[in-house]
């Protein structure tokens, strides 16, 4: 997405705007990038939605377990009036939400097979810094540990943790499947990002330039989301083909156990997120 954005801007605004892309936390880790943005050290970023917890409580919605049945439902909600409104929930903190970038639905990986919630009991799982994700794992009596993404492979390899949750593309590209013998196709949550800028920088652009930059960004996001959907499928298949990790499909009855164990988390955070927002998101499944 970022490369496509840079390409479109170079094509349409030559000599006026230059986009430089720094992948893989080269400038700042995703825990620090928002602070850096407010200081003017970086102009745009796409942290995962979980990273906005201290800037807005509303984005915690996307961490709720089993809220969306598929990525089409996620997309429908994000494009709805309620979903678009959440983008502006960070404005009071000096940030501007510019769009949602997909990675995909999350799966559970572990050192032992996870078929029912009881299988997770007592096991240590790495999570992003998110109170909702902490509550999600505590709901199945697991031990959630907030650790940086860059450390996950080593933590798994050294057996300092038992498992983690992630999308097919992250499990594949970061080689987690090489150090996790089992992956449960749970589709229990969504991992998306918000493309964000600082209000100070964004509003400093000339109106005509800002319009063109936003248009290029929207196109790049649509392109990136298409790539993400394709990679979710191809990377899942590559993991299966590698035979390094066994992909477990769970039955409807087993899945229902996970849903019933984790769904109380919705109520736990209803006051912070807004019950009406949770209802609107759930409606997008229909």
C-alpha atoms as a PDB file:
ATOM      1  CA  UNK A   1       0.000   0.000   0.000  1.00  0.00           C
ATOM      2  CA  UNK A   2       2.727   2.455   1.034  1.00  0.00           C
ATOM      3  CA  UNK A   3       4.774   1.801  -2.111  1.00  0.00           C
ATOM      4  CA  UNK A   4       1.704   2.205  -4.310  1.00  0.00           C
ATOM      5  CA  UNK A   5       0.909   5.499  -2.530  1.00  0.00           C
ATOM      6  CA  UNK A   6       4.477   6.776  -3.108  1.00  0.00           C
ATOM      7  CA  UNK A   7       4.232   5.777  -6.773  1.00  0.00           C
ATOM      8  CA  UNK A   8       0.868   7.542  -7.334  1.00  0.00           C
ATOM      9  CA  UNK A   9       2.042  10.724  -5.584  1.00  0.00           C
ATOM     10  CA  UNK A  10       5.281  10.817  -7.624  1.00  0.00           C
ATOM     11  CA  UNK A  11       3.233  10.411 -10.795  1.00  0.00           C
ATOM     12  CA  UNK A  12       0.591  13.044  -9.976  1.00  0.00           C
ATOM     13  CA  UNK A  13       2.465  15.605  -7.873  1.00  0.00           C
ATOM     14  CA  UNK A  14       6.034  15.534  -9.231  1.00  0.00           C
ATOM     15  CA  UNK A  15       8.276  18.081  -7.550  1.00  0.00           C
ATOM     16  CA  UNK A  16       5.498  19.075  -5.142  1.00  0.00           C
ATOM     17  CA  UNK A  17       5.192  16.129  -2.782  1.00  0.00           C
ATOM     18  CA  UNK A  18       7.602  13.296  -2.091  1.00  0.00           C
ATOM     19  CA  UNK A  19       6.643  10.176  -0.160  1.00  0.00           C
ATOM     20  CA  UNK A  20       9.471   8.223   1.453  1.00  0.00           C
ATOM     21  CA  UNK A  21       8.596   4.762   2.740  1.00  0.00           C
ATOM     22  CA  UNK A  22      10.314   3.262   5.789  1.00  0.00           C
ATOM     23  CA  UNK A  23       9.034  -0.292   6.374  1.00  0.00           C
ATOM     24  CA  UNK A  24       9.525  -2.709   9.283  1.00  0.00           C
ATOM     25  CA  UNK A  25       9.873  -0.145  12.090  1.00  0.00           C
ATOM     26  CA  UNK A  26      12.980   1.395  10.474  1.00  0.00           C
ATOM     27  CA  UNK A  27      12.145   4.836  11.873  1.00  0.00           C
ATOM     28  CA  UNK A  28       9.931   4.069  14.868  1.00  0.00           C
ATOM     29  CA  UNK A  29       8.287   0.983  16.317  1.00  0.00           C
ATOM     30  CA  UNK A  30       4.498   1.094  16.172  1.00  0.00           C
ATOM     31  CA  UNK A  31       4.391   1.796  19.912  1.00  0.00           C
ATOM     32  CA  UNK A  32       6.340   5.039  19.450  1.00  0.00           C
ATOM     33  CA  UNK A  33       5.291   6.254  16.031  1.00  0.00           C
ATOM     34  CA  UNK A  34       2.223   8.234  17.141  1.00  0.00           C
ATOM     35  CA  UNK A  35       4.240  10.226  19.666  1.00  0.00           C
ATOM     36  CA  UNK A  36       6.882  10.826  16.977  1.00  0.00           C
ATOM     37  CA  UNK A  37       4.159  12.017  14.607  1.00  0.00           C
ATOM     38  CA  UNK A  38       2.862  14.561  17.112  1.00  0.00           C
ATOM     39  CA  UNK A  39       6.446  15.837  17.438  1.00  0.00           C
ATOM     40  CA  UNK A  40       6.697  16.186  13.651  1.00  0.00           C
ATOM     41  CA  UNK A  41       9.374  13.482  13.214  1.00  0.00           C
ATOM     42  CA  UNK A  42       7.200  11.472  10.817  1.00  0.00           C
ATOM     43  CA  UNK A  43       4.196  12.633   8.778  1.00  0.00           C
ATOM     44  CA  UNK A  44       2.194   9.469   8.152  1.00  0.00           C
ATOM     45  CA  UNK A  45       1.977   5.978   9.577  1.00  0.00           C
ATOM     46  CA  UNK A  46      -0.359   3.006   9.732  1.00  0.00           C
ATOM     47  CA  UNK A  47      -0.247   1.540  13.259  1.00  0.00           C
ATOM     48  CA  UNK A  48      -2.546  -1.348  14.121  1.00  0.00           C
ATOM     49  CA  UNK A  49      -5.885  -0.228  15.538  1.00  0.00           C
ATOM     50  CA  UNK A  50      -4.913  -1.567  18.978  1.00  0.00           C
ATOM     51  CA  UNK A  51      -2.176   1.057  19.218  1.00  0.00           C
ATOM     52  CA  UNK A  52      -4.695   3.905  19.466  1.00  0.00           C
ATOM     53  CA  UNK A  53      -6.022   2.874  22.873  1.00  0.00           C
ATOM     54  CA  UNK A  54      -4.637   5.913  24.686  1.00  0.00           C
ATOM     55  CA  UNK A  55      -5.905   8.266  21.960  1.00  0.00           C
ATOM     56  CA  UNK A  56      -9.479   6.940  21.692  1.00  0.00           C
ATOM     57  CA  UNK A  57     -11.457   4.132  23.321  1.00  0.00           C
ATOM     58  CA  UNK A  58     -13.690   3.641  20.267  1.00  0.00           C
ATOM     59  CA  UNK A  59     -11.102   1.802  18.178  1.00  0.00           C
ATOM     60  CA  UNK A  60     -11.022  -0.939  20.820  1.00  0.00           C
ATOM     61  CA  UNK A  61     -14.130  -2.134  18.981  1.00  0.00           C
ATOM     62  CA  UNK A  62     -11.940  -3.877  16.410  1.00  0.00           C
ATOM     63  CA  UNK A  63     -10.228  -5.986  19.080  1.00  0.00           C
ATOM     64  CA  UNK A  64     -13.498  -7.532  20.295  1.00  0.00           C
ATOM     65  CA  UNK A  65     -13.453 -11.300  19.712  1.00  0.00           C
ATOM     66  CA  UNK A  66     -15.866 -12.842  17.187  1.00  0.00           C
ATOM     67  CA  UNK A  67     -17.447  -9.487  16.295  1.00  0.00           C
ATOM     68  CA  UNK A  68     -17.077  -9.846  12.514  1.00  0.00           C
ATOM     69  CA  UNK A  69     -17.764 -13.076  10.664  1.00  0.00           C
ATOM     70  CA  UNK A  70     -15.532 -12.214   7.697  1.00  0.00           C
ATOM     71  CA  UNK A  71     -13.539  -9.394   6.109  1.00  0.00           C
ATOM     72  CA  UNK A  72     -16.540  -8.391   3.954  1.00  0.00           C
ATOM     73  CA  UNK A  73     -18.393  -7.525   7.180  1.00  0.00           C
ATOM     74  CA  UNK A  74     -15.355  -5.556   8.427  1.00  0.00           C
ATOM     75  CA  UNK A  75     -15.282  -3.602   5.154  1.00  0.00           C
ATOM     76  CA  UNK A  76     -19.054  -2.921   5.254  1.00  0.00           C
ATOM     77  CA  UNK A  77     -18.790  -1.548   8.769  1.00  0.00           C
ATOM     78  CA  UNK A  78     -15.673   0.553   8.106  1.00  0.00           C
ATOM     79  CA  UNK A  79     -17.278   2.168   5.056  1.00  0.00           C
ATOM     80  CA  UNK A  80     -20.537   2.859   6.932  1.00  0.00           C
ATOM     81  CA  UNK A  81     -21.286   6.196   8.545  1.00  0.00           C
ATOM     82  CA  UNK A  82     -20.470   4.814  12.010  1.00  0.00           C
ATOM     83  CA  UNK A  83     -17.204   3.281  10.794  1.00  0.00           C
ATOM     84  CA  UNK A  84     -16.095   6.465   9.039  1.00  0.00           C
ATOM     85  CA  UNK A  85     -16.960   8.514  12.108  1.00  0.00           C
ATOM     86  CA  UNK A  86     -14.489   6.485  14.216  1.00  0.00           C
ATOM     87  CA  UNK A  87     -11.676   7.770  11.973  1.00  0.00           C
ATOM     88  CA  UNK A  88     -12.237  11.219  13.452  1.00  0.00           C
ATOM     89  CA  UNK A  89     -12.250   9.951  17.063  1.00  0.00           C
ATOM     90  CA  UNK A  90      -8.503  10.746  17.331  1.00  0.00           C
ATOM     91  CA  UNK A  91      -8.863  14.380  16.243  1.00  0.00           C
ATOM     92  CA  UNK A  92      -9.015  15.760  19.775  1.00  0.00           C
ATOM     93  CA  UNK A  93      -5.511  14.293  20.275  1.00  0.00           C
ATOM     94  CA  UNK A  94      -4.066  16.076  17.248  1.00  0.00           C
ATOM     95  CA  UNK A  95      -4.295  13.145  14.813  1.00  0.00           C
ATOM     96  CA  UNK A  96      -6.262  12.678  11.581  1.00  0.00           C
ATOM     97  CA  UNK A  97      -7.542   9.224  10.596  1.00  0.00           C
ATOM     98  CA  UNK A  98      -7.306   8.869   6.808  1.00  0.00           C
ATOM     99  CA  UNK A  99      -8.461   5.312   6.148  1.00  0.00           C
ATOM    100  CA  UNK A 100      -8.476   1.678   7.183  1.00  0.00           C
ATOM    101  CA  UNK A 101      -5.910  -0.775   5.923  1.00  0.00           C
ATOM    102  CA  UNK A 102      -6.656  -4.503   6.159  1.00  0.00           C
ATOM    103  CA  UNK A 103      -4.384  -7.312   7.168  1.00  0.00           C
ATOM    104  CA  UNK A 104      -7.032  -9.944   7.795  1.00  0.00           C
ATOM    105  CA  UNK A 105      -8.642 -12.231  10.323  1.00  0.00           C
ATOM    106  CA  UNK A 106      -6.566 -13.589  13.179  1.00  0.00           C
ATOM    107  CA  UNK A 107      -5.781 -17.225  13.900  1.00  0.00           C
ATOM    108  CA  UNK A 108      -4.431 -18.841  17.068  1.00  0.00           C
ATOM    109  CA  UNK A 109      -1.100 -20.641  17.010  1.00  0.00           C
ATOM    110  CA  UNK A 110       0.369 -22.677  19.857  1.00  0.00           C
ATOM    111  CA  UNK A 111       2.834 -25.338  20.893  1.00  0.00           C
ATOM    112  CA  UNK A 112      -0.077 -27.748  21.481  1.00  0.00           C
ATOM    113  CA  UNK A 113      -3.364 -28.163  19.584  1.00  0.00           C
ATOM    114  CA  UNK A 114      -6.079 -25.651  20.477  1.00  0.00           C
ATOM    115  CA  UNK A 115      -9.513 -27.032  19.683  1.00  0.00           C
ATOM    116  CA  UNK A 116     -11.641 -25.877  22.603  1.00  0.00           C
ATOM    117  CA  UNK A 117     -11.162 -22.997  25.082  1.00  0.00           C
ATOM    118  CA  UNK A 118      -9.910 -25.360  27.789  1.00  0.00           C
ATOM    119  CA  UNK A 119      -6.867 -26.124  25.610  1.00  0.00           C
ATOM    120  CA  UNK A 120      -5.676 -22.517  26.076  1.00  0.00           C
ATOM    121  CA  UNK A 121      -5.918 -22.617  29.874  1.00  0.00           C
ATOM    122  CA  UNK A 122      -2.657 -21.668  31.597  1.00  0.00           C
ATOM    123  CA  UNK A 123      -0.807 -21.084  28.318  1.00  0.00           C
ATOM    124  CA  UNK A 124       1.109 -17.853  27.691  1.00  0.00           C
ATOM    125  CA  UNK A 125       0.089 -15.873  24.595  1.00  0.00           C
ATOM    126  CA  UNK A 126       1.755 -12.772  23.208  1.00  0.00           C
ATOM    127  CA  UNK A 127      -0.704  -9.954  22.586  1.00  0.00           C
ATOM    128  CA  UNK A 128      -0.535  -6.392  21.304  1.00  0.00           C
ATOM    129  CA  UNK A 129      -0.900  -3.642  23.892  1.00  0.00           C
ATOM    130  CA  UNK A 130      -4.671  -3.870  24.234  1.00  0.00           C
ATOM    131  CA  UNK A 131      -6.888  -4.248  27.282  1.00  0.00           C
ATOM    132  CA  UNK A 132      -9.537  -5.948  25.136  1.00  0.00           C
ATOM    133  CA  UNK A 133      -7.080  -8.602  23.915  1.00  0.00           C
ATOM    134  CA  UNK A 134      -5.925  -9.108  27.486  1.00  0.00           C
ATOM    135  CA  UNK A 135      -9.538  -9.706  28.572  1.00  0.00           C
ATOM    136  CA  UNK A 136     -10.098 -12.022  25.581  1.00  0.00           C
ATOM    137  CA  UNK A 137      -7.339 -14.399  26.676  1.00  0.00           C
ATOM    138  CA  UNK A 138      -8.207 -14.105  30.359  1.00  0.00           C
ATOM    139  CA  UNK A 139     -11.731 -15.232  29.386  1.00  0.00           C
ATOM    140  CA  UNK A 140     -10.270 -18.635  28.420  1.00  0.00           C
ATOM    141  CA  UNK A 141      -7.940 -18.678  31.463  1.00  0.00           C
ATOM    142  CA  UNK A 142      -4.832 -18.121  29.359  1.00  0.00           C
ATOM    143  CA  UNK A 143      -1.974 -15.768  30.324  1.00  0.00           C
ATOM    144  CA  UNK A 144      -1.697 -12.763  27.951  1.00  0.00           C
ATOM    145  CA  UNK A 145       1.682 -10.999  27.695  1.00  0.00           C
ATOM    146  CA  UNK A 146       2.031  -7.602  25.999  1.00  0.00           C
ATOM    147  CA  UNK A 147       5.198  -7.847  23.901  1.00  0.00           C
ATOM    148  CA  UNK A 148       6.517  -6.015  20.797  1.00  0.00           C
ATOM    149  CA  UNK A 149       5.792  -7.675  17.449  1.00  0.00           C
ATOM    150  CA  UNK A 150       9.508  -7.698  16.621  1.00  0.00           C
ATOM    151  CA  UNK A 151      10.198 -10.059  19.564  1.00  0.00           C
ATOM    152  CA  UNK A 152       7.496 -12.657  18.864  1.00  0.00           C
ATOM    153  CA  UNK A 153       9.581 -15.080  16.787  1.00  0.00           C
ATOM    154  CA  UNK A 154      12.323 -15.304  19.424  1.00  0.00           C
ATOM    155  CA  UNK A 155       9.798 -15.671  22.251  1.00  0.00           C
ATOM    156  CA  UNK A 156       8.179 -18.576  20.411  1.00  0.00           C
ATOM    157  CA  UNK A 157      11.474 -20.144  19.385  1.00  0.00           C
ATOM    158  CA  UNK A 158      12.847 -20.084  22.943  1.00  0.00           C
ATOM    159  CA  UNK A 159       9.474 -21.278  24.310  1.00  0.00           C
ATOM    160  CA  UNK A 160       9.246 -18.213  26.554  1.00  0.00           C
ATOM    161  CA  UNK A 161       5.629 -18.106  25.368  1.00  0.00           C
ATOM    162  CA  UNK A 162       3.313 -20.897  24.199  1.00  0.00           C
ATOM    163  CA  UNK A 163       1.458 -19.138  21.443  1.00  0.00           C
ATOM    164  CA  UNK A 164       0.218 -15.985  19.734  1.00  0.00           C
ATOM    165  CA  UNK A 165      -2.631 -14.676  17.589  1.00  0.00           C
ATOM    166  CA  UNK A 166      -2.083 -13.296  14.113  1.00  0.00           C
ATOM    167  CA  UNK A 167      -3.169 -13.198  10.499  1.00  0.00           C
ATOM    168  CA  UNK A 168      -2.044 -15.744   7.909  1.00  0.00           C
ATOM    169  CA  UNK A 169       0.243 -13.199   6.229  1.00  0.00           C
ATOM    170  CA  UNK A 170       2.005 -12.270   9.487  1.00  0.00           C
ATOM    171  CA  UNK A 171       2.333 -15.908  10.566  1.00  0.00           C
ATOM    172  CA  UNK A 172       3.905 -16.655   7.188  1.00  0.00           C
ATOM    173  CA  UNK A 173       6.096 -13.589   6.591  1.00  0.00           C
ATOM    174  CA  UNK A 174       7.472 -13.589  10.148  1.00  0.00           C
ATOM    175  CA  UNK A 175       8.000 -17.384   9.998  1.00  0.00           C
ATOM    176  CA  UNK A 176       5.973 -18.049  13.170  1.00  0.00           C
ATOM    177  CA  UNK A 177       4.726 -21.255  11.528  1.00  0.00           C
ATOM    178  CA  UNK A 178       8.276 -22.623  11.662  1.00  0.00           C
ATOM    179  CA  UNK A 179       8.300 -22.451  15.469  1.00  0.00           C
ATOM    180  CA  UNK A 180       4.624 -23.220  16.168  1.00  0.00           C
ATOM    181  CA  UNK A 181       3.505 -26.760  15.421  1.00  0.00           C
ATOM    182  CA  UNK A 182      -0.229 -25.962  15.475  1.00  0.00           C
ATOM    183  CA  UNK A 183      -2.371 -23.196  14.025  1.00  0.00           C
ATOM    184  CA  UNK A 184      -6.104 -23.151  14.731  1.00  0.00           C
ATOM    185  CA  UNK A 185      -8.193 -21.516  12.015  1.00  0.00           C
ATOM    186  CA  UNK A 186     -10.276 -19.552  14.479  1.00  0.00           C
ATOM    187  CA  UNK A 187     -10.936 -16.305  12.559  1.00  0.00           C
ATOM    188  CA  UNK A 188     -11.682 -14.901  16.007  1.00  0.00           C
ATOM    189  CA  UNK A 189     -10.612 -11.297  15.494  1.00  0.00           C
ATOM    190  CA  UNK A 190      -9.475  -8.751  12.957  1.00  0.00           C
ATOM    191  CA  UNK A 191      -6.071  -7.137  12.515  1.00  0.00           C
ATOM    192  CA  UNK A 192      -6.334  -3.845  10.693  1.00  0.00           C
ATOM    193  CA  UNK A 193      -4.439  -0.573  10.691  1.00  0.00           C
ATOM    194  CA  UNK A 194      -5.415   3.082  10.536  1.00  0.00           C
ATOM    195  CA  UNK A 195      -3.546   5.312   8.134  1.00  0.00           C
ATOM    196  CA  UNK A 196      -3.003   8.442  10.165  1.00  0.00           C
ATOM    197  CA  UNK A 197      -1.342  11.835   9.980  1.00  0.00           C
ATOM    198  CA  UNK A 198      -0.941  14.669  12.450  1.00  0.00           C
ATOM    199  CA  UNK A 199      -3.594  17.375  12.155  1.00  0.00           C
ATOM    200  CA  UNK A 200      -0.808  19.957  12.136  1.00  0.00           C
ATOM    201  CA  UNK A 201       0.898  18.434   9.098  1.00  0.00           C
ATOM    202  CA  UNK A 202      -2.267  17.450   7.214  1.00  0.00           C
ATOM    203  CA  UNK A 203      -3.848  20.883   7.593  1.00  0.00           C
ATOM    204  CA  UNK A 204      -0.595  22.593   6.566  1.00  0.00           C
ATOM    205  CA  UNK A 205      -0.922  21.168   3.027  1.00  0.00           C
ATOM    206  CA  UNK A 206      -2.442  23.448   0.379  1.00  0.00           C
ATOM    207  CA  UNK A 207      -6.060  22.469  -0.237  1.00  0.00           C
ATOM    208  CA  UNK A 208      -5.522  21.367  -3.840  1.00  0.00           C
ATOM    209  CA  UNK A 209      -2.488  19.282  -2.879  1.00  0.00           C
ATOM    210  CA  UNK A 210      -4.286  17.698   0.081  1.00  0.00           C
ATOM    211  CA  UNK A 211      -7.172  16.649  -2.202  1.00  0.00           C
ATOM    212  CA  UNK A 212      -4.773  14.952  -4.625  1.00  0.00           C
ATOM    213  CA  UNK A 213      -2.784  13.275  -1.826  1.00  0.00           C
ATOM    214  CA  UNK A 214      -6.013  11.924  -0.276  1.00  0.00           C
ATOM    215  CA  UNK A 215      -7.208  10.628  -3.648  1.00  0.00           C
ATOM    216  CA  UNK A 216      -3.887   8.809  -4.177  1.00  0.00           C
ATOM    217  CA  UNK A 217      -4.065   7.430  -0.646  1.00  0.00           C
ATOM    218  CA  UNK A 218      -7.621   6.116  -1.113  1.00  0.00           C
ATOM    219  CA  UNK A 219      -6.562   4.336  -4.297  1.00  0.00           C
ATOM    220  CA  UNK A 220      -3.456   2.924  -2.614  1.00  0.00           C
ATOM    221  CA  UNK A 221      -5.506   1.667   0.343  1.00  0.00           C
ATOM    222  CA  UNK A 222      -8.002  -0.076  -1.975  1.00  0.00           C
ATOM    223  CA  UNK A 223      -5.048  -1.646  -3.801  1.00  0.00           C
ATOM    224  CA  UNK A 224      -3.377  -2.685  -0.522  1.00  0.00           C
ATOM    225  CA  UNK A 225      -6.589  -4.221   0.805  1.00  0.00           C
ATOM    226  CA  UNK A 226      -6.945  -6.300  -2.369  1.00  0.00           C
ATOM    227  CA  UNK A 227      -3.346  -7.539  -1.964  1.00  0.00           C
ATOM    228  CA  UNK A 228      -4.034  -8.338   1.714  1.00  0.00           C
ATOM    229  CA  UNK A 229      -7.057 -10.473   0.779  1.00  0.00           C
ATOM    230  CA  UNK A 230      -5.039 -12.407  -1.796  1.00  0.00           C
ATOM    231  CA  UNK A 231      -2.084 -12.876   0.558  1.00  0.00           C
ATOM    232  CA  UNK A 232      -4.332 -14.210   3.325  1.00  0.00           C
ATOM    233  CA  UNK A 233      -5.241 -17.092   0.993  1.00  0.00           C
ATOM    234  CA  UNK A 234      -1.853 -17.691  -0.631  1.00  0.00           C
ATOM    235  CA  UNK A 235       0.111 -17.449   2.638  1.00  0.00           C
ATOM    236  CA  UNK A 236      -2.284 -19.840   4.393  1.00  0.00           C
ATOM    237  CA  UNK A 237      -1.721 -22.303   1.546  1.00  0.00           C
ATOM    238  CA  UNK A 238       2.062 -21.804   1.722  1.00  0.00           C
ATOM    239  CA  UNK A 239       1.967 -22.656   5.457  1.00  0.00           C
ATOM    240  CA  UNK A 240      -0.056 -25.821   4.766  1.00  0.00           C
ATOM    241  CA  UNK A 241       2.305 -26.804   1.909  1.00  0.00           C
ATOM    242  CA  UNK A 242       5.371 -26.316   4.121  1.00  0.00           C
ATOM    243  CA  UNK A 243       4.164 -29.102   6.466  1.00  0.00           C
ATOM    244  CA  UNK A 244       6.027 -27.284   9.257  1.00  0.00           C
ATOM    245  CA  UNK A 245       2.804 -26.496  11.073  1.00  0.00           C
ATOM    246  CA  UNK A 246      -0.522 -28.323  11.201  1.00  0.00           C
ATOM    247  CA  UNK A 247      -3.545 -26.154  10.409  1.00  0.00           C
ATOM    248  CA  UNK A 248      -6.504 -27.250  12.518  1.00  0.00           C
ATOM    249  CA  UNK A 249     -10.045 -26.643  11.363  1.00  0.00           C
ATOM    250  CA  UNK A 250     -12.517 -26.521  14.222  1.00  0.00           C
ATOM    251  CA  UNK A 251     -16.074 -27.819  14.047  1.00  0.00           C
ATOM    252  CA  UNK A 252     -19.097 -25.521  14.463  1.00  0.00           C
ATOM    253  CA  UNK A 253     -19.637 -26.969  17.931  1.00  0.00           C
ATOM    254  CA  UNK A 254     -16.019 -26.273  18.956  1.00  0.00           C
ATOM    255  CA  UNK A 255     -16.212 -22.774  17.534  1.00  0.00           C
ATOM    256  CA  UNK A 256     -19.412 -22.134  19.496  1.00  0.00           C
ATOM    257  CA  UNK A 257     -17.481 -22.913  22.699  1.00  0.00           C
ATOM    258  CA  UNK A 258     -14.872 -20.255  21.879  1.00  0.00           C
ATOM    259  CA  UNK A 259     -17.593 -17.723  21.058  1.00  0.00           C
ATOM    260  CA  UNK A 260     -19.463 -18.384  24.287  1.00  0.00           C
ATOM    261  CA  UNK A 261     -16.249 -18.141  26.353  1.00  0.00           C
ATOM    262  CA  UNK A 262     -15.033 -14.898  24.753  1.00  0.00           C
ATOM    263  CA  UNK A 263     -18.208 -12.984  23.904  1.00  0.00           C
ATOM    264  CA  UNK A 264     -18.722 -11.646  27.483  1.00  0.00           C
ATOM    265  CA  UNK A 265     -15.735  -9.370  26.695  1.00  0.00           C
ATOM    266  CA  UNK A 266     -18.159  -7.294  24.572  1.00  0.00           C
ATOM    267  CA  UNK A 267     -20.159  -6.310  27.657  1.00  0.00           C
ATOM    268  CA  UNK A 268     -17.007  -5.663  29.636  1.00  0.00           C
ATOM    269  CA  UNK A 269     -16.028  -2.859  27.227  1.00  0.00           C
ATOM    270  CA  UNK A 270     -19.488  -1.680  26.122  1.00  0.00           C
ATOM    271  CA  UNK A 271     -19.337   1.477  28.236  1.00  0.00           C
ATOM    272  CA  UNK A 272     -15.896   2.491  26.938  1.00  0.00           C
ATOM    273  CA  UNK A 273     -16.553   1.717  23.264  1.00  0.00           C
ATOM    274  CA  UNK A 274     -20.280   2.479  23.104  1.00  0.00           C
ATOM    275  CA  UNK A 275     -22.937  -0.235  23.000  1.00  0.00           C
ATOM    276  CA  UNK A 276     -24.545   1.394  19.937  1.00  0.00           C
ATOM    277  CA  UNK A 277     -21.241   1.172  18.061  1.00  0.00           C
ATOM    278  CA  UNK A 278     -20.865  -2.517  18.939  1.00  0.00           C
ATOM    279  CA  UNK A 279     -24.448  -3.127  17.733  1.00  0.00           C
ATOM    280  CA  UNK A 280     -23.748  -1.284  14.457  1.00  0.00           C
ATOM    281  CA  UNK A 281     -20.636  -3.401  13.906  1.00  0.00           C
ATOM    282  CA  UNK A 282     -22.507  -6.646  14.667  1.00  0.00           C
ATOM    283  CA  UNK A 283     -25.239  -5.598  12.195  1.00  0.00           C
ATOM    284  CA  UNK A 284     -22.645  -5.479   9.411  1.00  0.00           C
ATOM    285  CA  UNK A 285     -22.594  -9.291   9.476  1.00  0.00           C
ATOM    286  CA  UNK A 286     -26.114  -9.395   8.057  1.00  0.00           C
END
